[in-house]
Protein backbone atom coordinates (compact mmCIF):
# COMPACT_ATOMS: atom_id res chain seq x y z
CA MET A 1 -19.22 151.24 -33.02
CA PRO A 2 -15.60 151.39 -34.21
CA GLY A 3 -15.03 152.99 -37.57
CA ILE A 4 -12.23 153.48 -40.05
CA HIS A 5 -10.88 156.43 -38.03
CA ASP A 6 -10.49 154.14 -35.00
CA ASP A 7 -8.65 151.58 -37.14
CA VAL A 8 -6.33 154.24 -38.56
CA THR A 9 -5.49 155.45 -35.06
CA ARG A 10 -4.97 151.94 -33.75
CA PHE A 11 -2.78 150.76 -36.61
CA ALA A 12 -0.78 154.01 -36.67
CA LYS A 13 0.24 153.18 -33.09
CA VAL A 14 1.14 149.63 -34.09
CA LEU A 15 3.25 150.87 -37.00
CA ALA A 16 4.96 153.43 -34.76
CA ALA A 17 5.85 150.65 -32.32
CA ILE A 18 7.28 148.47 -35.09
CA GLY A 19 8.92 151.45 -36.81
CA ALA A 20 12.05 151.66 -34.68
CA GLU A 21 14.88 149.55 -36.08
CA PRO A 22 15.50 147.46 -32.93
CA ARG A 23 11.80 146.69 -32.58
CA LEU A 24 11.49 145.71 -36.24
CA ARG A 25 14.44 143.36 -35.72
CA VAL A 26 12.66 141.87 -32.68
CA VAL A 27 9.46 141.30 -34.66
CA ARG A 28 11.32 139.66 -37.56
CA LEU A 29 13.22 137.39 -35.19
CA LEU A 30 10.03 136.41 -33.37
CA LEU A 31 8.28 135.71 -36.66
CA ALA A 32 11.18 133.48 -37.69
CA ALA A 33 10.77 131.61 -34.38
CA HIS A 34 6.98 131.40 -34.70
CA PRO A 35 5.01 129.79 -33.14
CA GLY A 36 7.38 128.82 -30.31
CA GLY A 37 8.88 132.26 -29.78
CA LEU A 38 12.04 133.00 -27.83
CA ILE A 39 12.96 133.74 -24.25
CA ALA A 40 14.14 137.27 -23.51
CA GLY A 41 17.75 136.20 -22.90
CA ASP A 42 17.97 134.55 -26.30
CA LEU A 43 16.53 137.65 -27.96
CA SER A 44 19.04 139.84 -26.16
CA ALA A 45 21.95 137.64 -27.22
CA GLU A 46 20.78 137.27 -30.81
CA LEU A 47 20.21 140.99 -31.30
CA ASP A 48 23.18 142.13 -29.17
CA ILE A 49 20.90 144.43 -27.17
CA SER A 50 21.29 144.91 -23.42
CA PRO A 51 18.52 143.30 -21.36
CA SER A 52 17.27 146.65 -20.07
CA THR A 53 17.07 148.16 -23.57
CA LEU A 54 15.43 145.03 -24.93
CA SER A 55 12.90 145.13 -22.10
CA HIS A 56 11.93 148.66 -23.12
CA HIS A 57 11.44 147.62 -26.76
CA LEU A 58 9.51 144.47 -25.85
CA ASP A 59 7.23 146.44 -23.55
CA ARG A 60 6.42 148.91 -26.32
CA LEU A 61 5.61 146.07 -28.71
CA ARG A 62 3.54 144.31 -26.05
CA GLN A 63 1.54 147.46 -25.30
CA GLN A 64 0.48 147.64 -28.95
CA GLY A 65 -0.33 143.93 -29.12
CA VAL A 66 2.48 143.10 -31.55
CA VAL A 67 4.09 140.57 -29.21
CA LEU A 68 2.70 138.31 -26.53
CA VAL A 69 4.54 137.24 -23.40
CA ARG A 70 4.14 134.34 -21.02
CA ARG A 71 6.11 133.35 -17.95
CA GLU A 72 7.83 129.98 -17.97
CA GLY A 73 9.34 129.52 -14.52
CA THR A 74 11.93 132.28 -14.21
CA PHE A 75 11.92 133.05 -17.95
CA LEU A 76 9.71 135.26 -20.09
CA ARG A 77 8.89 133.79 -23.51
CA TYR A 78 7.93 136.24 -26.24
CA THR A 79 6.01 135.36 -29.39
CA ALA A 80 4.87 137.40 -32.34
CA ASN A 81 1.13 138.07 -32.22
CA ALA A 82 0.34 136.70 -35.66
CA ASP A 83 -3.35 137.64 -35.33
CA MET A 84 -2.48 141.32 -34.80
CA LEU A 85 0.01 141.32 -37.66
CA GLU A 86 -2.52 139.68 -39.99
CA LYS A 87 -5.11 142.33 -39.04
CA LEU A 88 -2.56 145.03 -39.80
CA LEU A 89 -1.86 143.55 -43.24
CA ARG A 90 -5.59 143.15 -43.99
CA PHE A 91 -6.08 146.80 -43.01
CA LEU A 92 -3.23 147.94 -45.27
CA PHE A 93 -4.50 145.90 -48.22
CA ALA A 94 -8.22 146.62 -47.69
CA GLU A 95 -8.44 149.06 -50.59
CA CYS A 96 -6.47 146.92 -53.06
């Protein structure tokens, strides 16, 4: 049965993923585009990040469940995982 220690570990990893400036910019941009999200090329252009660097950041966010990805033909569409972000905020405010 998961406990508070498990939640602390889990959300520490989520915060570490979001904590790098480029990844925080990605999350903010995806939240602004919620719920439709953005394709990777549009993210790259908007943030002025090379596709390979952006791919690294998106993968890190995806691994921690912060962003979701789905294939649309030849494109990858990324969306903010609002459920995960809401859980993170509920965890942070649990003792308030």
